[in-house]
């Protein structure tokens, strides 16, 4: 059986330099997540690559965030990282936030950012959907209320997300990924936050309209007329009356986006590895985040799987990883571990 591959999650370069070298099988990925704040200059990149290589890492997952990563004043952080990492014999994967467009508690500085240009694409929680429906999406009050709700409900959302239900939003994500792989000789694309932050999300006007248009084609004339009459009074009539169809519609559109992104990457770089971060328990992934990653695997939308495991119990983590590896049917399984290196070793020793 192919050994489960392990991914070591974000570490500072100083910590990486202090770690003893990692030793692993030749096909194992020993990766370091690199945030954009580590790529501020050529010297910073050189130090990061040297530290990572010395510590035994063979792969870098480099954060790529559109506006934040654009080349400025002749300095291209991603391009420079790829140049130096490849020279050191290391692989580079672009680490892309798919649906999440801001971290919690902050709004971007650049007014060209998608949250300002297309606030109508943002996922809306059911809790404040009614009040936002009464506000023009391009009013500063609309984004302000949504951002404030997110800041005060970090247990329910880890930032602002754009909706895969809206064709223009999905096309925007696909085009950003296409531009990334065209511009840079990446060895892979790591898709993060391919999910809904919670089941209560995506009650914006355009998202509900997309569901209504989808569902009306499946209903009888009488049923359409009944729901249309209800919607005139209650804008949430369609999702309220058809909750299971509403859940499946959101889930299927997320799956469609994953399929589209794979096609986008492979059309430009056929050898690039497409991977995604997923909630480790597939039942919880579907129930809480509408993330049907088992279907993604079954349909070969992913070349590698990166389950997010939690806790300090090495035996429990190893059992989860072994179960996921069995389902992955030979695909690499990369496990982000944020605990000390000793924890990684304990898990590795328990996984076949």
Protein backbone atom coordinates (compact mmCIF):
# COMPACT_ATOMS: atom_id res chain seq x y z
CA UNK A 1 0.00 0.00 0.00
CA UNK A 2 1.22 3.44 -0.85
CA UNK A 3 2.19 5.31 2.27
CA UNK A 4 -0.04 8.18 3.30
CA UNK A 5 1.66 11.47 2.57
CA UNK A 6 1.99 14.04 5.31
CA UNK A 7 1.91 17.80 5.08
CA UNK A 8 3.45 19.89 7.83
CA UNK A 9 1.34 23.00 8.27
CA UNK A 10 2.41 26.66 8.60
CA UNK A 11 5.71 27.26 10.36
CA UNK A 12 7.85 30.34 10.57
CA UNK A 13 11.12 30.16 8.69
CA UNK A 14 13.00 30.48 11.97
CA UNK A 15 11.18 27.43 13.30
CA UNK A 16 11.83 25.52 10.09
CA UNK A 17 15.52 26.26 10.41
CA UNK A 18 15.53 24.95 13.97
CA UNK A 19 13.87 21.65 13.14
CA UNK A 20 15.92 18.51 12.64
CA UNK A 21 15.89 17.38 9.01
CA UNK A 22 12.87 15.32 7.99
CA UNK A 23 13.57 11.95 6.42
CA UNK A 24 10.92 10.18 4.37
CA UNK A 25 10.22 7.92 1.44
CA UNK A 26 11.14 9.29 -1.96
CA UNK A 27 7.54 9.85 -3.04
CA UNK A 28 6.49 11.59 0.17
CA UNK A 29 5.51 15.23 0.17
CA UNK A 30 7.05 17.18 3.04
CA UNK A 31 5.46 20.56 2.58
CA UNK A 32 5.59 23.94 4.23
CA UNK A 33 2.75 26.40 3.91
CA UNK A 34 4.14 29.83 3.10
CA UNK A 35 2.05 32.91 3.78
CA UNK A 36 2.40 35.97 1.57
CA UNK A 37 3.92 37.91 4.49
CA UNK A 38 7.02 35.72 4.14
CA UNK A 39 7.55 36.87 0.54
CA UNK A 40 8.25 40.55 1.03
CA UNK A 41 11.63 40.62 -0.72
CA UNK A 42 14.08 38.47 -2.64
CA UNK A 43 16.21 38.13 0.49
CA UNK A 44 13.21 37.02 2.55
CA UNK A 45 12.34 34.42 -0.07
CA UNK A 46 15.95 33.22 -0.20
CA UNK A 47 16.01 32.79 3.59
CA UNK A 48 12.69 30.95 3.55
CA UNK A 49 13.74 28.56 0.77
CA UNK A 50 17.10 27.86 2.43
CA UNK A 51 15.51 27.23 5.83
CA UNK A 52 12.83 24.97 4.37
CA UNK A 53 15.32 22.97 2.32
CA UNK A 54 17.70 22.58 5.27
CA UNK A 55 14.84 21.33 7.43
CA UNK A 56 14.02 18.64 4.87
CA UNK A 57 10.95 20.08 3.20
CA UNK A 58 10.64 19.29 -0.50
CA UNK A 59 7.48 21.25 -1.36
CA UNK A 60 6.21 24.77 -0.73
CA UNK A 61 2.52 25.67 -0.68
CA UNK A 62 2.67 29.38 -1.47
CA UNK A 63 -0.27 31.63 -0.70
CA UNK A 64 -1.58 33.27 -3.86
CA UNK A 65 -4.24 35.92 -3.36
CA UNK A 66 -4.80 37.88 -6.54
CA UNK A 67 -4.46 41.57 -5.64
CA UNK A 68 -2.15 40.89 -2.71
CA UNK A 69 0.23 38.82 -4.81
CA UNK A 70 0.38 41.01 -7.91
CA UNK A 71 3.86 41.95 -9.01
CA UNK A 72 4.67 45.46 -7.85
CA UNK A 73 7.59 47.73 -8.71
CA UNK A 74 9.31 44.97 -10.64
CA UNK A 75 9.15 42.44 -7.79
CA UNK A 76 7.08 39.30 -8.37
CA UNK A 77 6.85 37.28 -5.13
CA UNK A 78 5.38 34.12 -6.62
CA UNK A 79 7.68 34.14 -9.63
CA UNK A 80 10.74 34.70 -7.45
CA UNK A 81 9.68 31.92 -5.07
CA UNK A 82 9.26 29.47 -7.93
CA UNK A 83 12.63 30.46 -9.40
CA UNK A 84 14.50 29.96 -6.13
CA UNK A 85 12.59 26.87 -5.01
CA UNK A 86 13.02 25.06 -8.31
CA UNK A 87 16.73 25.89 -8.25
CA UNK A 88 16.87 24.23 -4.82
CA UNK A 89 15.09 21.12 -6.13
CA UNK A 90 11.80 21.93 -4.42
CA UNK A 91 8.28 21.86 -5.83
CA UNK A 92 5.87 24.79 -5.56
CA UNK A 93 2.09 24.56 -5.33
CA UNK A 94 -0.11 27.65 -5.45
CA UNK A 95 -2.25 27.81 -2.30
CA UNK A 96 -5.56 29.37 -3.39
CA UNK A 97 -8.53 30.44 -1.28
CA UNK A 98 -11.44 29.51 -3.53
CA UNK A 99 -14.61 30.80 -1.88
CA UNK A 100 -13.22 32.79 1.04
CA UNK A 101 -12.19 36.26 -0.08
CA UNK A 102 -11.33 37.93 3.25
CA UNK A 103 -10.13 36.80 6.64
CA UNK A 104 -12.40 37.47 9.64
CA UNK A 105 -12.37 40.96 11.07
CA UNK A 106 -10.80 42.74 8.13
CA UNK A 107 -11.71 44.32 4.81
CA UNK A 108 -9.15 44.74 2.00
CA UNK A 109 -7.44 48.07 1.45
CA UNK A 110 -7.57 47.97 -2.36
CA UNK A 111 -10.88 49.28 -3.71
CA UNK A 112 -10.46 47.01 -6.72
CA UNK A 113 -11.00 43.98 -4.48
CA UNK A 114 -13.96 41.75 -5.32
CA UNK A 115 -15.81 42.62 -2.09
CA UNK A 116 -16.10 46.24 -3.29
CA UNK A 117 -16.56 45.53 -6.99
CA UNK A 118 -19.13 42.76 -6.58
CA UNK A 119 -20.68 42.74 -3.10
CA UNK A 120 -23.71 41.01 -4.65
CA UNK A 121 -21.54 37.88 -5.02
CA UNK A 122 -20.97 37.55 -1.28
CA UNK A 123 -22.64 34.77 0.67
CA UNK A 124 -25.25 36.07 3.11
CA UNK A 125 -26.19 34.30 6.36
CA UNK A 126 -29.89 33.64 6.89
CA UNK A 127 -29.75 35.61 10.16
CA UNK A 128 -29.38 39.00 8.45
CA UNK A 129 -30.63 38.13 4.97
CA UNK A 130 -33.97 39.91 5.37
CA UNK A 131 -32.39 43.22 6.40
CA UNK A 132 -29.80 43.02 3.60
CA UNK A 133 -32.51 42.39 0.99
CA UNK A 134 -33.81 45.87 1.77
CA UNK A 135 -30.42 47.50 1.03
CA UNK A 136 -28.80 48.12 -2.35
CA UNK A 137 -25.86 45.71 -2.64
CA UNK A 138 -23.53 48.54 -3.72
CA UNK A 139 -24.43 50.71 -0.76
CA UNK A 140 -21.57 50.89 1.78
CA UNK A 141 -24.14 49.93 4.40
CA UNK A 142 -24.64 46.53 2.75
CA UNK A 143 -21.01 45.46 2.97
CA UNK A 144 -20.63 47.14 6.34
CA UNK A 145 -23.44 45.15 7.92
CA UNK A 146 -22.21 41.90 6.42
CA UNK A 147 -18.64 42.55 7.58
CA UNK A 148 -19.81 43.47 11.09
CA UNK A 149 -21.86 40.29 11.36
CA UNK A 150 -18.82 38.25 10.30
CA UNK A 151 -16.57 39.96 12.86
CA UNK A 152 -18.97 39.19 15.69
CA UNK A 153 -19.74 35.62 14.59
CA UNK A 154 -16.34 34.07 13.95
CA UNK A 155 -17.65 30.76 15.29
CA UNK A 156 -19.99 30.63 12.28
CA UNK A 157 -17.86 32.19 9.55
CA UNK A 158 -14.10 32.69 9.21
CA UNK A 159 -14.40 35.57 6.76
CA UNK A 160 -16.42 36.71 3.77
CA UNK A 161 -17.16 34.16 1.04
CA UNK A 162 -18.35 34.47 -2.54
CA UNK A 163 -21.14 32.26 -3.80
CA UNK A 164 -20.64 29.41 -6.29
CA UNK A 165 -24.36 29.68 -7.11
CA UNK A 166 -23.80 32.83 -9.14
CA UNK A 167 -22.34 32.13 -12.60
CA UNK A 168 -20.34 35.36 -12.72
CA UNK A 169 -18.77 34.65 -9.34
CA UNK A 170 -17.82 31.10 -10.34
CA UNK A 171 -16.36 32.41 -13.60
CA UNK A 172 -14.33 34.98 -11.65
CA UNK A 173 -12.76 32.23 -9.52
CA UNK A 174 -12.01 30.07 -12.55
CA UNK A 175 -10.43 32.97 -14.42
CA UNK A 176 -8.24 33.85 -11.44
CA UNK A 177 -6.96 30.26 -11.30
CA UNK A 178 -6.46 30.19 -15.08
CA UNK A 179 -4.41 33.38 -14.94
CA UNK A 180 -2.33 31.98 -12.10
CA UNK A 181 -1.37 28.76 -13.87
CA UNK A 182 -0.73 30.57 -17.15
CA UNK A 183 1.65 33.03 -15.54
CA UNK A 184 3.53 30.65 -13.27
CA UNK A 185 5.13 27.23 -13.71
CA UNK A 186 3.53 25.81 -10.58
CA UNK A 187 3.75 22.11 -9.83
CA UNK A 188 0.27 22.04 -8.37
CA UNK A 189 -2.70 24.02 -7.13
CA UNK A 190 -3.92 23.56 -3.54
CA UNK A 191 -7.57 24.62 -3.24
CA UNK A 192 -8.50 25.90 0.21
CA UNK A 193 -11.89 26.97 1.61
CA UNK A 194 -13.89 25.14 -1.05
CA UNK A 195 -16.91 25.13 1.20
CA UNK A 196 -19.78 27.05 2.72
CA UNK A 197 -18.79 28.47 6.10
CA UNK A 198 -22.01 27.00 7.54
CA UNK A 199 -25.33 25.57 6.39
CA UNK A 200 -27.09 28.89 7.07
CA UNK A 201 -25.25 30.61 4.22
CA UNK A 202 -26.05 31.87 0.73
CA UNK A 203 -29.34 33.66 1.22
CA UNK A 204 -28.41 36.64 -0.94
CA UNK A 205 -30.94 37.82 -3.52
CA UNK A 206 -29.04 36.56 -6.58
CA UNK A 207 -28.23 33.20 -5.00
CA UNK A 208 -31.86 32.56 -4.13
CA UNK A 209 -32.87 33.70 -7.62
CA UNK A 210 -30.47 31.13 -9.11
CA UNK A 211 -32.14 28.42 -7.04
CA UNK A 212 -35.61 29.60 -8.01
CA UNK A 213 -34.72 29.52 -11.72
CA UNK A 214 -33.25 26.04 -11.34
CA UNK A 215 -36.20 24.65 -9.39
CA UNK A 216 -39.02 26.15 -11.47
CA UNK A 217 -38.06 23.93 -14.39
CA UNK A 218 -38.79 20.86 -12.27
CA UNK A 219 -42.15 21.97 -10.88
CA UNK A 220 -45.67 21.70 -12.22
CA UNK A 221 -47.40 24.87 -13.36
CA UNK A 222 -49.62 24.86 -10.28
CA UNK A 223 -46.64 24.43 -7.95
CA UNK A 224 -44.71 27.23 -9.68
CA UNK A 225 -47.66 29.56 -9.39
CA UNK A 226 -48.12 28.67 -5.73
CA UNK A 227 -44.47 29.33 -4.88
CA UNK A 228 -44.36 32.51 -6.97
CA UNK A 229 -47.35 33.83 -5.04
CA UNK A 230 -45.64 32.96 -1.76
CA UNK A 231 -42.39 34.58 -2.88
CA UNK A 232 -44.21 37.86 -3.52
CA UNK A 233 -44.85 37.94 0.24
CA UNK A 234 -41.85 35.99 1.54
CA UNK A 235 -38.57 36.26 -0.45
CA UNK A 236 -37.38 33.02 1.19
CA UNK A 237 -40.34 30.97 -0.06
CA UNK A 238 -38.40 28.76 -2.47
CA UNK A 239 -35.65 27.62 -0.06
CA UNK A 240 -38.13 27.43 2.83
CA UNK A 241 -40.58 25.24 0.90
CA UNK A 242 -37.90 23.05 -0.69
CA UNK A 243 -35.16 22.75 1.98
CA UNK A 244 -33.67 19.48 0.73
CA UNK A 245 -33.55 20.69 -2.87
CA UNK A 246 -31.98 23.93 -1.62
CA UNK A 247 -29.30 21.98 0.24
CA UNK A 248 -28.57 19.73 -2.73
CA UNK A 249 -28.47 22.66 -5.14
CA UNK A 250 -25.85 24.49 -3.10
CA UNK A 251 -23.83 21.30 -2.64
CA UNK A 252 -23.95 20.44 -6.35
CA UNK A 253 -22.81 23.91 -7.39
CA UNK A 254 -19.80 23.63 -5.10
CA UNK A 255 -18.96 20.28 -6.69
CA UNK A 256 -19.40 21.82 -10.14
CA UNK A 257 -16.91 24.54 -9.20
CA UNK A 258 -14.33 21.95 -8.13
CA UNK A 259 -14.77 20.14 -11.45
CA UNK A 260 -14.41 23.40 -13.34
CA UNK A 261 -11.23 24.36 -11.51
CA UNK A 262 -9.66 20.98 -12.22
CA UNK A 263 -10.45 21.37 -15.92
CA UNK A 264 -9.07 24.91 -15.85
CA UNK A 265 -5.75 23.85 -14.30
CA UNK A 266 -5.27 20.76 -16.46
CA UNK A 267 -6.01 22.67 -19.68
CA UNK A 268 -2.94 24.82 -19.05
CA UNK A 269 -0.70 22.50 -16.99
CA UNK A 270 -1.72 18.86 -17.48
CA UNK A 271 0.94 17.58 -15.07
CA UNK A 272 0.01 19.93 -12.23
CA UNK A 273 -1.41 18.27 -9.12
CA UNK A 274 -4.86 19.50 -8.11
CA UNK A 275 -5.51 19.06 -4.38
CA UNK A 276 -8.02 20.43 -1.90
CA UNK A 277 -8.39 20.97 1.82
CA UNK A 278 -11.43 19.12 3.15
CA UNK A 279 -13.14 18.54 6.48
CA UNK A 280 -11.80 15.16 7.62
CA UNK A 281 -15.16 13.63 8.59
CA UNK A 282 -17.13 13.36 5.32
CA UNK A 283 -20.49 13.37 7.10
CA UNK A 284 -19.66 16.62 8.91
CA UNK A 285 -18.21 18.04 5.69
CA UNK A 286 -21.54 17.53 3.92
CA UNK A 287 -23.79 18.43 6.85
CA UNK A 288 -22.05 21.62 7.97
CA UNK A 289 -20.20 22.82 4.86
CA UNK A 290 -22.03 21.21 1.89
CA UNK A 291 -18.64 19.80 0.91
CA UNK A 292 -19.25 16.43 -0.76
CA UNK A 293 -15.60 15.48 -1.11
CA UNK A 294 -16.35 11.78 -1.51
CA UNK A 295 -18.03 12.63 -4.81
CA UNK A 296 -15.01 14.75 -5.74
CA UNK A 297 -12.78 11.73 -5.21
CA UNK A 298 -15.14 9.29 -6.94
CA UNK A 299 -15.20 11.51 -10.03
CA UNK A 300 -11.42 12.10 -10.13
CA UNK A 301 -11.73 15.83 -9.58
CA UNK A 302 -8.73 15.72 -7.22
CA UNK A 303 -5.25 14.24 -7.57
CA UNK A 304 -4.60 14.52 -3.82
CA UNK A 305 -6.68 15.02 -0.70
CA UNK A 306 -5.80 17.19 2.30
CA UNK A 307 -8.09 16.40 5.25
CA UNK A 308 -8.05 18.93 8.07
CA UNK A 309 -7.73 16.97 11.31
CA UNK A 310 -7.98 18.42 14.79
CA UNK A 311 -6.85 17.53 18.29
CA UNK A 312 -3.73 16.06 19.90
CA UNK A 313 -4.71 12.39 20.00
CA UNK A 314 -2.24 10.74 17.63
CA UNK A 315 -4.13 7.43 17.62
CA UNK A 316 -7.42 9.12 16.73
CA UNK A 317 -5.81 11.22 14.01
CA UNK A 318 -4.05 8.17 12.58
CA UNK A 319 -7.33 6.24 12.50
CA UNK A 320 -9.01 9.10 10.63
CA UNK A 321 -6.15 9.35 8.17
CA UNK A 322 -6.11 5.59 7.55
CA UNK A 323 -9.84 5.61 6.83
CA UNK A 324 -9.48 8.53 4.43
CA UNK A 325 -6.48 6.93 2.75
CA UNK A 326 -8.49 3.76 2.14
CA UNK A 327 -11.28 5.77 0.53
CA UNK A 328 -8.77 7.79 -1.52
CA UNK A 329 -7.85 4.56 -3.32
CA UNK A 330 -4.18 5.28 -3.91
CA UNK A 331 -4.36 9.05 -4.15
CA UNK A 332 -1.93 10.92 -1.91
CA UNK A 333 -3.38 12.11 1.39
CA UNK A 334 -1.68 15.21 2.77
CA UNK A 335 -2.45 15.92 6.40
CA UNK A 336 -1.87 19.46 7.71
CA UNK A 337 -0.45 19.24 11.22
CA UNK A 338 -0.07 22.36 13.34
CA UNK A 339 1.22 20.59 16.45
CA UNK A 340 4.93 20.05 17.17
CA UNK A 341 7.03 17.80 14.98
CA UNK A 342 6.85 15.06 17.61
CA UNK A 343 3.09 14.85 17.01
CA UNK A 344 3.71 14.42 13.30
CA UNK A 345 6.12 11.58 14.00
CA UNK A 346 3.60 9.82 16.25
CA UNK A 347 0.93 10.02 13.57
CA UNK A 348 3.31 8.90 10.82
CA UNK A 349 4.32 5.84 12.83
CA UNK A 350 0.68 4.77 13.16
CA UNK A 351 -0.33 5.19 9.53
CA UNK A 352 0.48 2.37 7.09
